[in-house]
C-alpha atoms as a PDB file:
ATOM      1  CA  MET A   1      16.756 -49.759  40.106  1.00  0.00           C
ATOM      2  CA  ILE A   2      19.356 -50.290  37.366  1.00  0.00           C
ATOM      3  CA  GLN A   3      19.231 -54.083  37.680  1.00  0.00           C
ATOM      4  CA  ARG A   4      15.412 -54.167  37.683  1.00  0.00           C
ATOM      5  CA  GLY A   5      15.285 -51.805  34.715  1.00  0.00           C
ATOM      6  CA  ALA A   6      17.932 -53.769  32.815  1.00  0.00           C
ATOM      7  CA  LEU A   7      16.061 -57.043  33.345  1.00  0.00           C
ATOM      8  CA  THR A   8      12.799 -55.374  32.338  1.00  0.00           C
ATOM      9  CA  GLY A   9      14.369 -54.035  29.141  1.00  0.00           C
ATOM     10  CA  PHE A  10      16.106 -57.320  28.387  1.00  0.00           C
ATOM     11  CA  LEU A  11      12.911 -59.370  28.653  1.00  0.00           C
ATOM     12  CA  SER A  12      10.706 -56.828  26.861  1.00  0.00           C
ATOM     13  CA  GLY A  13      13.227 -56.221  24.084  1.00  0.00           C
ATOM     14  CA  SER A  14      13.923 -59.924  23.561  1.00  0.00           C
ATOM     15  CA  ILE A  15      10.233 -60.777  23.242  1.00  0.00           C
ATOM     16  CA  MET A  16       9.641 -57.787  20.981  1.00  0.00           C
ATOM     17  CA  GLY A  17      12.557 -58.802  18.762  1.00  0.00           C
ATOM     18  CA  LEU A  18      11.286 -62.361  18.460  1.00  0.00           C
ATOM     19  CA  ALA A  19       7.787 -61.057  17.713  1.00  0.00           C
ATOM     20  CA  MET A  20       9.215 -58.860  14.944  1.00  0.00           C
ATOM     21  CA  LYS A  21      10.977 -61.904  13.504  1.00  0.00           C
ATOM     22  CA  VAL A  22       7.635 -63.761  13.461  1.00  0.00           C
ATOM     23  CA  LEU A  23       5.847 -60.768  11.908  1.00  0.00           C
ATOM     24  CA  GLU A  24       8.489 -60.663   9.172  1.00  0.00           C
ATOM     25  CA  ALA A  25       8.175 -64.415   8.540  1.00  0.00           C
ATOM     26  CA  ILE A  26       4.392 -64.162   8.267  1.00  0.00           C
ATOM     27  CA  SER A  27       4.250 -61.000   6.161  1.00  0.00           C
ATOM     28  CA  SER A  28       7.536 -61.070   4.193  1.00  0.00           C
ATOM     29  CA  LYS A  29       7.942 -57.407   5.194  1.00  0.00           C
ATOM     30  CA  LYS A  30      11.526 -56.889   6.380  1.00  0.00           C
ATOM     31  CA  VAL A  31      10.682 -55.285   9.720  1.00  0.00           C
ATOM     32  CA  TYR A  32      12.994 -57.605  11.664  1.00  0.00           C
ATOM     33  CA  VAL A  33      15.849 -56.791   9.281  1.00  0.00           C
ATOM     34  CA  LEU A  34      15.106 -53.106   9.893  1.00  0.00           C
ATOM     35  CA  LEU A  35      15.016 -53.628  13.667  1.00  0.00           C
ATOM     36  CA  LEU A  36      18.475 -55.199  13.677  1.00  0.00           C
ATOM     37  CA  ASN A  37      19.964 -53.069  10.926  1.00  0.00           C
ATOM     38  CA  VAL A  38      23.145 -51.194  11.855  1.00  0.00           C
ATOM     39  CA  ASP A  39      24.756 -51.052   8.399  1.00  0.00           C
ATOM     40  CA  PHE A  40      24.663 -47.237   8.324  1.00  0.00           C
ATOM     41  CA  ILE A  41      26.644 -46.831  11.587  1.00  0.00           C
ATOM     42  CA  PRO A  42      30.322 -46.067  10.935  1.00  0.00           C
ATOM     43  CA  TYR A  43      32.731 -48.892  11.816  1.00  0.00           C
ATOM     44  CA  ILE A  44      29.988 -51.229  13.109  1.00  0.00           C
ATOM     45  CA  GLY A  45      28.045 -51.173   9.845  1.00  0.00           C
ATOM     46  CA  SER A  46      31.074 -52.057   7.757  1.00  0.00           C
ATOM     47  CA  ARG A  47      31.428 -55.360   9.608  1.00  0.00           C
ATOM     48  CA  ASP A  48      29.569 -58.476   8.588  1.00  0.00           C
ATOM     49  CA  LEU A  49      27.820 -59.071  11.920  1.00  0.00           C
ATOM     50  CA  LEU A  50      26.043 -62.259  12.850  1.00  0.00           C
ATOM     51  CA  GLU A  51      22.323 -62.036  13.552  1.00  0.00           C
ATOM     52  CA  LEU A  52      23.010 -62.711  17.242  1.00  0.00           C
ATOM     53  CA  ALA A  53      25.374 -59.725  17.409  1.00  0.00           C
ATOM     54  CA  GLU A  54      22.810 -57.457  15.735  1.00  0.00           C
ATOM     55  CA  PHE A  55      20.075 -58.803  18.034  1.00  0.00           C
ATOM     56  CA  SER A  56      22.346 -58.105  21.011  1.00  0.00           C
ATOM     57  CA  LEU A  57      22.681 -54.467  19.927  1.00  0.00           C
ATOM     58  CA  HIS A  58      18.885 -54.230  19.757  1.00  0.00           C
ATOM     59  CA  VAL A  59      18.624 -55.769  23.240  1.00  0.00           C
ATOM     60  CA  LEU A  60      21.216 -53.306  24.572  1.00  0.00           C
ATOM     61  CA  MET A  61      18.988 -50.449  23.416  1.00  0.00           C
ATOM     62  CA  ALA A  62      16.003 -52.158  25.059  1.00  0.00           C
ATOM     63  CA  ILE A  63      17.992 -52.501  28.294  1.00  0.00           C
ATOM     64  CA  LEU A  64      18.748 -48.783  28.212  1.00  0.00           C
ATOM     65  CA  LEU A  65      15.041 -48.035  27.726  1.00  0.00           C
ATOM     66  CA  GLY A  66      14.213 -50.445  30.561  1.00  0.00           C
ATOM     67  CA  ILE A  67      16.570 -48.564  32.887  1.00  0.00           C
ATOM     68  CA  ILE A  68      15.028 -45.237  31.871  1.00  0.00           C
ATOM     69  CA  PHE A  69      11.572 -46.751  32.475  1.00  0.00           C
ATOM     70  CA  ALA A  70      12.614 -47.916  35.957  1.00  0.00           C
ATOM     71  CA  TRP A  71      13.965 -44.437  36.698  1.00  0.00           C
ATOM     72  CA  LEU A  72      10.682 -42.886  35.520  1.00  0.00           C
ATOM     73  CA  MET A  73       8.723 -45.298  37.683  1.00  0.00           C
ATOM     74  CA  GLU A  74      10.757 -44.480  40.792  1.00  0.00           C
ATOM     75  CA  ARG A  75      10.805 -40.758  40.115  1.00  0.00           C
ATOM     76  CA  ASN A  76       7.036 -40.737  39.558  1.00  0.00           C
ATOM     77  CA  ALA A  77       6.075 -43.329  42.175  1.00  0.00           C
ATOM     78  CA  ASP A  78       3.479 -40.988  43.671  1.00  0.00           C
ATOM     79  CA  SER A  79       2.061 -40.018  40.289  1.00  0.00           C
ATOM     80  CA  LYS A  80      -1.504 -40.863  39.457  1.00  0.00           C
ATOM     81  CA  ASN A  81      -0.340 -41.847  35.965  1.00  0.00           C
ATOM     82  CA  SER A  82      -0.317 -45.539  35.152  1.00  0.00           C
ATOM     83  CA  PRO A  83       2.962 -47.352  34.439  1.00  0.00           C
ATOM     84  CA  TYR A  84       1.511 -47.843  30.944  1.00  0.00           C
ATOM     85  CA  PHE A  85       1.364 -44.069  30.491  1.00  0.00           C
ATOM     86  CA  TRP A  86       5.106 -43.808  31.169  1.00  0.00           C
ATOM     87  CA  SER A  87       5.849 -46.864  29.065  1.00  0.00           C
ATOM     88  CA  PHE A  88       3.972 -45.573  26.032  1.00  0.00           C
ATOM     89  CA  LEU A  89       5.442 -42.094  26.471  1.00  0.00           C
ATOM     90  CA  LEU A  90       8.942 -43.582  26.479  1.00  0.00           C
ATOM     91  CA  THR A  91       8.272 -45.935  23.563  1.00  0.00           C
ATOM     92  CA  LEU A  92       6.397 -43.540  21.264  1.00  0.00           C
ATOM     93  CA  PRO A  93       9.547 -41.970  19.751  1.00  0.00           C
ATOM     94  CA  THR A  94      10.856 -45.422  18.795  1.00  0.00           C
ATOM     95  CA  VAL A  95       7.839 -45.930  16.537  1.00  0.00           C
ATOM     96  CA  PHE A  96       8.893 -42.947  14.453  1.00  0.00           C
ATOM     97  CA  LEU A  97      12.473 -44.208  14.148  1.00  0.00           C
ATOM     98  CA  TYR A  98      11.013 -46.290  11.322  1.00  0.00           C
ATOM     99  CA  PHE A  99      11.391 -43.354   8.950  1.00  0.00           C
ATOM    100  CA  PRO A 100      15.041 -42.362   9.459  1.00  0.00           C
ATOM    101  CA  LEU A 101      16.095 -46.000   9.792  1.00  0.00           C
ATOM    102  CA  THR A 102      14.542 -46.957   6.460  1.00  0.00           C
ATOM    103  CA  ILE A 103      16.054 -43.886   4.794  1.00  0.00           C
ATOM    104  CA  LEU A 104      19.546 -44.561   6.205  1.00  0.00           C
ATOM    105  CA  ALA A 105      19.512 -48.329   5.596  1.00  0.00           C
ATOM    106  CA  ILE A 106      21.878 -49.797   3.064  1.00  0.00           C
ATOM    107  CA  LYS A 107      20.412 -53.300   3.358  1.00  0.00           C
ATOM    108  CA  ASP A 108      17.123 -54.182   1.744  1.00  0.00           C
ATOM    109  CA  THR A 109      14.545 -52.923   4.254  1.00  0.00           C
ATOM    110  CA  PRO A 110      10.916 -51.858   3.869  1.00  0.00           C
ATOM    111  CA  ALA A 111      10.119 -48.754   1.883  1.00  0.00           C
ATOM    112  CA  VAL A 112       9.720 -45.590   3.909  1.00  0.00           C
ATOM    113  CA  ASP A 113       6.142 -45.216   2.610  1.00  0.00           C
ATOM    114  CA  ASP A 114       5.026 -48.844   3.111  1.00  0.00           C
ATOM    115  CA  PRO A 115       1.962 -48.638   5.406  1.00  0.00           C
ATOM    116  CA  ILE A 116       1.907 -52.367   6.167  1.00  0.00           C
ATOM    117  CA  SER A 117       5.544 -52.390   7.237  1.00  0.00           C
ATOM    118  CA  PHE A 118       5.048 -49.265   9.338  1.00  0.00           C
ATOM    119  CA  SER A 119       1.991 -50.887  10.944  1.00  0.00           C
ATOM    120  CA  LEU A 120       3.950 -54.053  11.787  1.00  0.00           C
ATOM    121  CA  TRP A 121       6.812 -51.937  13.155  1.00  0.00           C
ATOM    122  CA  THR A 122       4.289 -50.043  15.292  1.00  0.00           C
ATOM    123  CA  VAL A 123       2.691 -53.261  16.573  1.00  0.00           C
ATOM    124  CA  GLY A 124       6.115 -54.554  17.638  1.00  0.00           C
ATOM    125  CA  HIS A 125       6.874 -51.360  19.530  1.00  0.00           C
ATOM    126  CA  ILE A 126       3.432 -51.277  21.148  1.00  0.00           C
ATOM    127  CA  LEU A 127       4.160 -54.806  22.355  1.00  0.00           C
ATOM    128  CA  PHE A 128       7.395 -53.503  23.901  1.00  0.00           C
ATOM    129  CA  ALA A 129       5.463 -50.705  25.631  1.00  0.00           C
ATOM    130  CA  ILE A 130       2.953 -53.214  27.014  1.00  0.00           C
ATOM    131  CA  LEU A 131       5.677 -55.561  28.249  1.00  0.00           C
ATOM    132  CA  LEU A 132       7.719 -52.974  30.156  1.00  0.00           C
ATOM    133  CA  PRO A 133       5.167 -52.556  32.989  1.00  0.00           C
ATOM    134  CA  ILE A 134       4.435 -56.280  33.010  1.00  0.00           C
ATOM    135  CA  PHE A 135       8.074 -57.196  33.658  1.00  0.00           C
ATOM    136  CA  TYR A 136       8.922 -54.236  35.883  1.00  0.00           C
ATOM    137  CA  SER A 137       9.060 -55.154  39.544  1.00  0.00           C
ATOM    138  CA  PRO A 138       9.079 -52.057  41.743  1.00  0.00           C
ATOM    139  CA  ARG A 139      11.217 -51.977  44.841  1.00  0.00           C
ATOM    140  CA  GLN A 140       9.277 -53.116  47.878  1.00  0.00           C
ATOM    141  CA  LYS A 141       8.700 -50.373  50.434  1.00  0.00           C
ATOM    142  CA  GLN A 142      10.071 -51.016  53.902  1.00  0.00           C
ATOM    143  CA  ARG A 143       7.477 -51.210  56.622  1.00  0.00           C
ATOM    144  CA  GLY A 144       8.246 -48.902  59.468  1.00  0.00           C
END
């Protein structure tokens, strides 16, 4: 379960991160900068991290969410709820991280009240929620 969830999170988070980079390039709204931003975290934020290191921290969070998603899927295997229900339920709080992250940011990130930036941020996280069930491969049941 942990390996399947980690792979699910890795793939979903990597694609989401790249999509956010594209959305930033197209719109000039710094949603990718916000996604990778860790400048407000003690010790880590004081370092001048490379983009790859910041992206890796984002992917680590996505891996954790992927593992939680896999756990939810196994725990609720008999549920009538769709995997997308669990995925969106898990991802919904990350959409609202936009507000504290923009407030805490030291780097130049979108304004907390920028509706376009918030919309792009939301689109990126909806993409993540859609990708989790696509990449998740449930354990095959043994035939008796």
